[in-house]
Amino acid sequence: MKTHNKQIAIFEGQRIRRVWDKEKELWYFSIIDIMAVLTEQADF
């Protein structure tokens, strides 16, 4: 059974969604949120 821990990360004042996979011990980040921050788009 996989356990996921959902959280919000802050990068340059913008929210980036992420999920922790306890089994694999990896963070998964929302590429849509990352691209919005990198391209400085207010609304994605």
N, C-alpha and C. Protein backbone atom coordinates (compact mmCIF):
# COMPACT_ATOMS: atom_id res chain seq x y z
N MET A 1 0.84 -1.19 0.00
CA MET A 1 0.00 0.00 0.00
C MET A 1 0.88 1.25 0.00
N LYS A 2 0.65 2.12 -0.95
CA LYS A 2 1.43 3.35 -1.04
C LYS A 2 0.85 4.42 -0.13
N THR A 3 1.73 5.15 0.51
CA THR A 3 1.32 6.27 1.35
C THR A 3 1.85 7.54 0.72
N HIS A 4 0.96 8.49 0.47
CA HIS A 4 1.35 9.75 -0.14
C HIS A 4 1.10 10.88 0.85
N ASN A 5 2.02 11.81 0.90
CA ASN A 5 1.92 12.98 1.75
C ASN A 5 1.90 14.20 0.83
N LYS A 6 0.77 14.87 0.71
CA LYS A 6 0.64 16.03 -0.17
C LYS A 6 0.98 17.29 0.60
N GLN A 7 1.78 18.15 -0.03
CA GLN A 7 2.17 19.41 0.59
C GLN A 7 2.35 20.47 -0.48
N ILE A 8 2.45 21.70 -0.04
CA ILE A 8 2.72 22.83 -0.92
C ILE A 8 4.12 23.34 -0.60
N ALA A 9 4.94 23.53 -1.63
CA ALA A 9 6.26 24.13 -1.48
C ALA A 9 6.18 25.56 -1.97
N ILE A 10 6.99 26.43 -1.41
CA ILE A 10 7.03 27.83 -1.83
C ILE A 10 8.36 28.07 -2.53
N PHE A 11 8.30 28.60 -3.76
CA PHE A 11 9.49 28.93 -4.53
C PHE A 11 9.30 30.32 -5.09
N GLU A 12 10.16 31.23 -4.73
CA GLU A 12 10.09 32.63 -5.15
C GLU A 12 8.69 33.20 -4.92
N GLY A 13 8.09 32.86 -3.78
CA GLY A 13 6.79 33.40 -3.41
C GLY A 13 5.61 32.73 -4.09
N GLN A 14 5.86 31.72 -4.91
CA GLN A 14 4.79 31.03 -5.63
C GLN A 14 4.60 29.62 -5.05
N ARG A 15 3.36 29.15 -5.09
CA ARG A 15 3.05 27.81 -4.57
C ARG A 15 3.32 26.75 -5.63
N ILE A 16 3.99 25.67 -5.20
CA ILE A 16 4.25 24.53 -6.08
C ILE A 16 3.74 23.28 -5.36
N ARG A 17 2.82 22.58 -6.01
CA ARG A 17 2.27 21.36 -5.41
C ARG A 17 3.31 20.24 -5.48
N ARG A 18 3.33 19.41 -4.42
CA ARG A 18 4.23 18.27 -4.40
C ARG A 18 3.61 17.14 -3.59
N VAL A 19 4.06 15.92 -3.88
CA VAL A 19 3.57 14.72 -3.20
C VAL A 19 4.78 13.88 -2.82
N TRP A 20 4.81 13.39 -1.58
CA TRP A 20 5.89 12.53 -1.09
C TRP A 20 5.45 11.08 -1.22
N ASP A 21 6.24 10.26 -1.90
CA ASP A 21 6.00 8.82 -2.01
C ASP A 21 6.90 8.15 -0.99
N LYS A 22 6.31 7.71 0.11
CA LYS A 22 7.08 7.15 1.22
C LYS A 22 7.79 5.86 0.81
N GLU A 23 7.13 5.06 -0.01
CA GLU A 23 7.71 3.78 -0.42
C GLU A 23 8.99 3.97 -1.23
N LYS A 24 8.97 4.91 -2.17
CA LYS A 24 10.13 5.18 -3.02
C LYS A 24 11.05 6.24 -2.44
N GLU A 25 10.57 6.94 -1.39
CA GLU A 25 11.30 8.03 -0.75
C GLU A 25 11.68 9.11 -1.77
N LEU A 26 10.66 9.56 -2.53
CA LEU A 26 10.85 10.58 -3.56
C LEU A 26 9.76 11.63 -3.47
N TRP A 27 10.13 12.88 -3.79
CA TRP A 27 9.15 13.95 -3.95
C TRP A 27 8.77 14.03 -5.42
N TYR A 28 7.49 14.22 -5.71
CA TYR A 28 7.01 14.47 -7.06
C TYR A 28 6.43 15.88 -7.08
N PHE A 29 6.91 16.72 -8.00
CA PHE A 29 6.50 18.11 -8.09
C PHE A 29 5.62 18.32 -9.31
N SER A 30 4.69 19.26 -9.23
CA SER A 30 3.82 19.59 -10.34
C SER A 30 4.59 20.39 -11.38
N ILE A 31 4.75 19.81 -12.56
CA ILE A 31 5.49 20.49 -13.63
C ILE A 31 4.74 21.74 -14.10
N ILE A 32 3.42 21.72 -14.02
CA ILE A 32 2.63 22.90 -14.41
C ILE A 32 2.94 24.07 -13.48
N ASP A 33 3.01 23.80 -12.18
CA ASP A 33 3.33 24.86 -11.22
C ASP A 33 4.75 25.38 -11.42
N ILE A 34 5.70 24.49 -11.69
CA ILE A 34 7.09 24.88 -11.89
C ILE A 34 7.22 25.75 -13.15
N MET A 35 6.58 25.34 -14.24
CA MET A 35 6.65 26.11 -15.47
C MET A 35 6.01 27.50 -15.31
N ALA A 36 4.93 27.58 -14.53
CA ALA A 36 4.29 28.88 -14.29
C ALA A 36 5.25 29.82 -13.56
N VAL A 37 6.00 29.31 -12.59
CA VAL A 37 6.96 30.14 -11.86
C VAL A 37 8.12 30.54 -12.77
N LEU A 38 8.65 29.60 -13.52
CA LEU A 38 9.81 29.88 -14.36
C LEU A 38 9.48 30.84 -15.51
N THR A 39 8.27 30.80 -16.02
CA THR A 39 7.88 31.70 -17.10
C THR A 39 7.19 32.95 -16.59
N GLU A 40 7.13 33.08 -15.26
CA GLU A 40 6.55 34.24 -14.58
C GLU A 40 5.12 34.50 -14.99
N GLN A 41 4.33 33.46 -15.16
CA GLN A 41 2.91 33.60 -15.47
C GLN A 41 2.12 33.65 -14.17
N ALA A 42 1.25 34.62 -14.06
CA ALA A 42 0.44 34.77 -12.86
C ALA A 42 -0.63 33.70 -12.76
N ASP A 43 -1.20 33.29 -13.88
CA ASP A 43 -2.26 32.29 -13.90
C ASP A 43 -1.95 31.23 -14.93
N PHE A 44 -1.97 29.99 -14.50
CA PHE A 44 -1.67 28.90 -15.43
C PHE A 44 -2.92 28.15 -15.74
